[in-house]
Amino acid sequence: MSHPVVQGRQDEQDALVRRAGDWAKQLRGRLPGLVSVTVFGSVARGDFNLWSDIDVLVVANGLPDGYLERADLVSPVPPGIQPVIWTPAELEGARSRKNPIAIEAEAAGIPVGP
């Protein structure tokens, strides 16, 4: 049995991850090429605070080149969720360049979809 404060913090993290997972379920119908959805950043690490966004890496095939077109595909985005939207090739390129998002999502990310 964990300390009540620790358990409360875990419950908060679980709720934030669930929120991202609920959004990931919605993405399945909008992004036929969806490969993965991963929570990364402070929520995944557990060092989030009241003002933290839920950082979410969305990886999908067949994405348009422009950011705005990609954002339209995943809209509406619930308040507090901050998506990063990449193709598998972009993720691989980011890994090879040691991009912090790619490294952190792989090392400490919490998969929530598809």
Protein backbone atom coordinates (compact mmCIF):
# COMPACT_ATOMS: atom_id res chain seq x y z
CA MET A 1 0.00 0.00 0.00
CA SER A 2 1.42 3.35 -1.01
CA HIS A 3 1.34 6.60 0.89
CA PRO A 4 -1.88 8.61 0.26
CA VAL A 5 0.06 11.50 -1.27
CA VAL A 6 1.91 9.19 -3.64
CA GLN A 7 -1.34 7.41 -4.52
CA GLY A 8 -3.03 10.76 -5.17
CA ARG A 9 -0.25 11.79 -7.51
CA GLN A 10 -0.48 8.47 -9.35
CA ASP A 11 -4.25 8.93 -9.67
CA GLU A 12 -3.71 12.39 -11.18
CA GLN A 13 -1.23 11.00 -13.69
CA ASP A 14 -3.59 8.14 -14.57
CA ALA A 15 -6.42 10.60 -15.20
CA LEU A 16 -4.26 12.72 -17.53
CA VAL A 17 -3.08 9.66 -19.44
CA ARG A 18 -6.70 8.46 -19.70
CA ARG A 19 -7.67 11.83 -21.19
CA ALA A 20 -5.02 11.40 -23.86
CA GLY A 21 -6.15 7.82 -24.43
CA ASP A 22 -9.75 8.91 -24.92
CA TRP A 23 -8.60 11.39 -27.54
CA ALA A 24 -6.46 8.70 -29.19
CA LYS A 25 -9.58 6.54 -29.59
CA GLN A 26 -11.24 9.41 -31.47
CA LEU A 27 -8.21 9.69 -33.75
CA ARG A 28 -8.62 6.10 -34.94
CA GLY A 29 -11.68 7.10 -36.94
CA ARG A 30 -10.11 10.24 -38.37
CA LEU A 31 -6.61 8.99 -39.21
CA PRO A 32 -6.75 5.70 -41.13
CA GLY A 33 -2.94 5.60 -41.21
CA LEU A 34 -2.58 5.97 -37.44
CA VAL A 35 0.46 4.06 -36.19
CA SER A 36 0.88 5.14 -32.56
CA VAL A 37 -0.13 7.69 -29.94
CA THR A 38 2.26 8.21 -27.03
CA VAL A 39 2.14 10.51 -24.00
CA PHE A 40 5.59 11.98 -23.31
CA GLY A 41 7.02 14.84 -21.32
CA SER A 42 6.17 15.80 -17.77
CA VAL A 43 2.99 13.72 -17.57
CA ALA A 44 4.81 10.56 -18.65
CA ARG A 45 7.71 11.29 -16.29
CA GLY A 46 5.37 12.12 -13.42
CA ASP A 47 6.82 15.58 -12.76
CA PHE A 48 3.83 17.49 -14.17
CA ASN A 49 2.20 20.40 -12.38
CA LEU A 50 -1.11 22.25 -12.53
CA TRP A 51 -0.04 24.18 -15.65
CA SER A 52 1.48 21.27 -17.57
CA ASP A 53 0.13 20.28 -20.97
CA ILE A 54 -0.30 16.64 -21.87
CA ASP A 55 2.33 16.22 -24.59
CA VAL A 56 1.23 13.60 -27.11
CA LEU A 57 3.22 12.22 -30.05
CA VAL A 58 0.90 11.11 -32.86
CA VAL A 59 2.54 9.02 -35.60
CA ALA A 60 0.56 8.31 -38.77
CA ASN A 61 1.10 7.39 -42.39
CA GLY A 62 -0.24 9.56 -45.19
CA LEU A 63 -0.08 12.89 -43.42
CA PRO A 64 -0.15 16.12 -45.43
CA ASP A 65 3.05 18.16 -45.44
CA GLY A 66 1.70 21.29 -43.76
CA TYR A 67 1.31 21.69 -40.02
CA LEU A 68 -2.10 23.36 -40.31
CA GLU A 69 -3.44 20.54 -42.49
CA ARG A 70 -2.15 18.02 -39.96
CA ALA A 71 -3.71 19.96 -37.11
CA ASP A 72 -7.04 19.92 -38.94
CA LEU A 73 -6.87 16.11 -39.17
CA VAL A 74 -6.58 15.70 -35.39
CA SER A 75 -9.03 18.47 -34.44
CA PRO A 76 -10.73 19.02 -32.18
CA VAL A 77 -7.92 18.66 -29.68
CA PRO A 78 -9.17 18.67 -26.09
CA PRO A 79 -7.94 21.52 -23.87
CA GLY A 80 -4.60 20.75 -22.28
CA ILE A 81 -3.42 18.28 -24.92
CA GLN A 82 -0.43 19.40 -26.99
CA PRO A 83 0.01 17.15 -30.04
CA VAL A 84 3.17 16.61 -32.06
CA ILE A 85 2.18 14.99 -35.36
CA TRP A 86 4.79 13.05 -37.36
CA THR A 87 4.98 10.41 -40.04
CA PRO A 88 6.96 7.23 -39.25
CA ALA A 89 9.76 8.53 -41.49
CA GLU A 90 9.85 11.82 -39.59
CA LEU A 91 10.00 9.94 -36.30
CA GLU A 92 12.89 7.84 -37.58
CA GLY A 93 14.71 10.96 -38.77
CA ALA A 94 14.12 12.63 -35.41
CA ARG A 95 15.52 9.56 -33.63
CA SER A 96 18.64 9.59 -35.78
CA ARG A 97 19.15 13.31 -35.03
CA LYS A 98 18.65 12.62 -31.29
CA ASN A 99 15.59 14.87 -31.19
CA PRO A 100 14.53 15.18 -27.52
CA ILE A 101 10.86 14.44 -28.29
CA ALA A 102 11.70 11.24 -30.15
CA ILE A 103 14.19 10.11 -27.51
CA GLU A 104 11.89 10.85 -24.58
CA ALA A 105 8.80 9.31 -26.20
CA GLU A 106 10.74 6.13 -26.83
CA ALA A 107 12.47 6.00 -23.44
CA ALA A 108 9.71 7.12 -21.06
CA GLY A 109 6.58 7.50 -23.18
CA ILE A 110 3.26 5.93 -22.26
CA PRO A 111 1.52 4.38 -25.29
CA VAL A 112 -2.19 5.20 -25.44
CA GLY A 113 -3.07 4.13 -28.99
CA PRO A 114 -3.97 2.96 -31.47
